[in-house]
Amino acid sequence: DPHLKQRVMIVEMEYPPRGSFQTVGLPMILSDSPADYTRPPVLGEHTEAILKDLCDVSPDETKKLKAKGVV
């Protein structure tokens, strides 16, 4: 619907494995709080950062886990 696109209730994003796609935007537009849209992560995209930052796993240990097929 053109009205939904004009009101930014439908936004277009790029997603690496898939290309361009449309998704739902915010139904409310607030002049002092503009929305920022980001694409969803690709499977495994943040694995190394999460293991390091949240689980305190070293980069060497992460490599070993990858080699074993754990992550």
N, C-alpha and C. Protein backbone atom coordinates (compact mmCIF):
# COMPACT_ATOMS: atom_id res chain seq x y z
N ASP A 1 0.84 -1.18 0.00
CA ASP A 1 0.00 0.00 0.00
C ASP A 1 0.89 1.25 0.00
N PRO A 2 0.69 2.16 -0.92
CA PRO A 2 1.51 3.37 -0.99
C PRO A 2 1.44 4.22 0.27
N HIS A 3 0.27 4.26 0.91
CA HIS A 3 0.12 5.05 2.12
C HIS A 3 1.04 4.52 3.24
N LEU A 4 1.12 3.21 3.38
CA LEU A 4 1.97 2.62 4.42
C LEU A 4 3.44 2.93 4.16
N LYS A 5 3.86 2.89 2.89
CA LYS A 5 5.24 3.25 2.56
C LYS A 5 5.51 4.72 2.84
N GLN A 6 4.56 5.58 2.50
CA GLN A 6 4.73 7.02 2.72
C GLN A 6 4.83 7.33 4.21
N ARG A 7 4.11 6.61 5.04
CA ARG A 7 4.13 6.83 6.49
C ARG A 7 5.28 6.08 7.17
N VAL A 8 6.14 5.45 6.39
CA VAL A 8 7.30 4.68 6.86
C VAL A 8 6.88 3.54 7.78
N MET A 9 5.73 2.94 7.47
CA MET A 9 5.30 1.76 8.21
C MET A 9 5.82 0.50 7.53
N ILE A 10 6.33 0.65 6.33
CA ILE A 10 7.01 -0.43 5.62
C ILE A 10 8.36 0.14 5.21
N VAL A 11 9.42 -0.52 5.62
CA VAL A 11 10.77 -0.06 5.29
C VAL A 11 11.50 -1.14 4.48
N GLU A 12 12.40 -0.69 3.65
CA GLU A 12 13.18 -1.62 2.84
C GLU A 12 14.59 -1.70 3.42
N MET A 13 15.11 -2.92 3.53
CA MET A 13 16.44 -3.14 4.10
C MET A 13 17.23 -4.09 3.21
N GLU A 14 18.54 -4.05 3.38
CA GLU A 14 19.42 -4.99 2.71
C GLU A 14 19.82 -6.06 3.71
N TYR A 15 19.73 -7.30 3.31
CA TYR A 15 20.12 -8.42 4.15
C TYR A 15 21.09 -9.27 3.33
N PRO A 16 22.36 -9.39 3.75
CA PRO A 16 23.38 -10.01 2.92
C PRO A 16 23.01 -11.32 2.22
N PRO A 17 22.48 -12.32 2.90
CA PRO A 17 22.20 -13.56 2.17
C PRO A 17 21.00 -13.46 1.21
N ARG A 18 20.12 -12.51 1.47
CA ARG A 18 18.85 -12.46 0.76
C ARG A 18 18.73 -11.29 -0.21
N GLY A 19 19.41 -10.21 0.08
CA GLY A 19 19.27 -9.00 -0.73
C GLY A 19 18.25 -8.06 -0.10
N SER A 20 17.61 -7.27 -0.92
CA SER A 20 16.66 -6.28 -0.45
C SER A 20 15.34 -6.94 -0.06
N PHE A 21 14.77 -6.50 1.07
CA PHE A 21 13.47 -7.01 1.49
C PHE A 21 12.70 -5.92 2.23
N GLN A 22 11.41 -6.07 2.31
CA GLN A 22 10.57 -5.12 3.03
C GLN A 22 10.16 -5.71 4.36
N THR A 23 10.11 -4.84 5.37
CA THR A 23 9.71 -5.27 6.70
C THR A 23 8.84 -4.19 7.34
N VAL A 24 8.27 -4.50 8.47
CA VAL A 24 7.38 -3.58 9.16
C VAL A 24 8.18 -2.50 9.88
N GLY A 25 7.77 -1.26 9.70
CA GLY A 25 8.37 -0.14 10.43
C GLY A 25 7.58 0.13 11.70
N LEU A 26 7.83 1.25 12.31
CA LEU A 26 7.09 1.62 13.52
C LEU A 26 5.76 2.26 13.14
N PRO A 27 4.68 1.89 13.81
CA PRO A 27 3.38 2.46 13.47
C PRO A 27 3.20 3.90 13.97
N MET A 28 4.05 4.34 14.91
CA MET A 28 3.96 5.70 15.44
C MET A 28 5.19 6.48 14.99
N ILE A 29 4.99 7.72 14.61
CA ILE A 29 6.11 8.59 14.24
C ILE A 29 6.20 9.68 15.30
N LEU A 30 7.33 9.73 16.00
CA LEU A 30 7.55 10.72 17.04
C LEU A 30 8.61 11.71 16.56
N SER A 31 8.28 12.97 16.52
CA SER A 31 9.19 13.97 15.95
C SER A 31 10.50 14.08 16.73
N ASP A 32 10.49 13.89 18.03
CA ASP A 32 11.71 14.01 18.83
C ASP A 32 12.42 12.67 19.03
N SER A 33 11.86 11.60 18.53
CA SER A 33 12.46 10.27 18.69
C SER A 33 12.41 9.50 17.37
N PRO A 34 13.24 9.89 16.40
CA PRO A 34 13.19 9.18 15.12
C PRO A 34 13.66 7.73 15.27
N ALA A 35 13.06 6.87 14.48
CA ALA A 35 13.39 5.44 14.53
C ALA A 35 14.65 5.16 13.73
N ASP A 36 15.42 4.22 14.21
CA ASP A 36 16.62 3.78 13.51
C ASP A 36 16.43 2.29 13.22
N TYR A 37 16.45 1.94 11.96
CA TYR A 37 16.22 0.56 11.56
C TYR A 37 17.54 -0.12 11.23
N THR A 38 17.74 -1.30 11.75
CA THR A 38 18.93 -2.09 11.42
C THR A 38 18.47 -3.49 11.02
N ARG A 39 19.27 -4.12 10.19
CA ARG A 39 18.92 -5.45 9.73
C ARG A 39 19.16 -6.47 10.84
N PRO A 40 18.48 -7.60 10.79
CA PRO A 40 18.76 -8.66 11.77
C PRO A 40 20.13 -9.27 11.49
N PRO A 41 20.77 -9.82 12.50
CA PRO A 41 22.08 -10.42 12.27
C PRO A 41 21.98 -11.72 11.46
N VAL A 42 23.03 -12.00 10.73
CA VAL A 42 23.15 -13.27 10.02
C VAL A 42 23.53 -14.33 11.06
N LEU A 43 23.09 -15.55 10.87
CA LEU A 43 23.38 -16.62 11.82
C LEU A 43 24.88 -16.69 12.09
N GLY A 44 25.25 -16.57 13.35
CA GLY A 44 26.65 -16.66 13.76
C GLY A 44 27.44 -15.38 13.62
N GLU A 45 26.83 -14.31 13.16
CA GLU A 45 27.55 -13.05 12.91
C GLU A 45 28.22 -12.49 14.16
N HIS A 46 27.59 -12.62 15.31
CA HIS A 46 28.11 -12.03 16.54
C HIS A 46 28.66 -13.06 17.52
N THR A 47 28.83 -14.30 17.06
CA THR A 47 29.26 -15.38 17.95
C THR A 47 30.58 -15.07 18.65
N GLU A 48 31.58 -14.63 17.89
CA GLU A 48 32.89 -14.37 18.49
C GLU A 48 32.82 -13.26 19.52
N ALA A 49 32.11 -12.20 19.24
CA ALA A 49 31.99 -11.08 20.18
C ALA A 49 31.25 -11.51 21.45
N ILE A 50 30.21 -12.31 21.30
CA ILE A 50 29.45 -12.77 22.47
C ILE A 50 30.30 -13.70 23.33
N LEU A 51 31.00 -14.62 22.68
CA LEU A 51 31.87 -15.52 23.45
C LEU A 51 32.94 -14.74 24.20
N LYS A 52 33.50 -13.74 23.54
CA LYS A 52 34.56 -12.94 24.17
C LYS A 52 34.02 -12.05 25.28
N ASP A 53 32.98 -11.26 24.97
CA ASP A 53 32.50 -10.25 25.90
C ASP A 53 31.65 -10.80 27.03
N LEU A 54 30.81 -11.79 26.74
CA LEU A 54 29.91 -12.29 27.77
C LEU A 54 30.40 -13.56 28.46
N CYS A 55 31.18 -14.36 27.74
CA CYS A 55 31.60 -15.65 28.28
C CYS A 55 33.09 -15.71 28.58
N ASP A 56 33.81 -14.63 28.28
CA ASP A 56 35.24 -14.53 28.55
C ASP A 56 36.04 -15.66 27.88
N VAL A 57 35.65 -16.02 26.66
CA VAL A 57 36.35 -17.05 25.89
C VAL A 57 37.40 -16.37 25.03
N SER A 58 38.62 -16.85 25.08
CA SER A 58 39.71 -16.23 24.33
C SER A 58 39.56 -16.50 22.82
N PRO A 59 40.17 -15.67 21.99
CA PRO A 59 40.13 -15.91 20.54
C PRO A 59 40.70 -17.28 20.15
N ASP A 60 41.76 -17.73 20.85
CA ASP A 60 42.34 -19.05 20.56
C ASP A 60 41.35 -20.17 20.88
N GLU A 61 40.67 -20.03 22.00
CA GLU A 61 39.67 -21.04 22.38
C GLU A 61 38.51 -21.04 21.39
N THR A 62 38.13 -19.86 20.93
CA THR A 62 37.06 -19.76 19.93
C THR A 62 37.45 -20.50 18.65
N LYS A 63 38.71 -20.35 18.24
CA LYS A 63 39.20 -21.05 17.04
C LYS A 63 39.13 -22.56 17.24
N LYS A 64 39.49 -23.01 18.43
CA LYS A 64 39.44 -24.45 18.73
C LYS A 64 37.98 -24.95 18.69
N LEU A 65 37.07 -24.16 19.24
CA LEU A 65 35.65 -24.54 19.23
C LEU A 65 35.11 -24.61 17.81
N LYS A 66 35.55 -23.65 16.97
CA LYS A 66 35.13 -23.66 15.56
C LYS A 66 35.68 -24.90 14.85
N ALA A 67 36.94 -25.22 15.12
CA ALA A 67 37.56 -26.38 14.48
C ALA A 67 36.85 -27.68 14.85
N LYS A 68 36.32 -27.74 16.08
CA LYS A 68 35.61 -28.94 16.54
C LYS A 68 34.14 -28.94 16.10
N GLY A 69 33.70 -27.82 15.50
CA GLY A 69 32.31 -27.73 15.06
C GLY A 69 31.33 -27.38 16.16
N VAL A 70 31.85 -26.91 17.27
CA VAL A 70 30.98 -26.54 18.40
C VAL A 70 30.24 -25.23 18.09
N VAL A 71 30.97 -24.30 17.50
CA VAL A 71 30.35 -23.02 17.10
C VAL A 71 30.58 -22.78 15.64
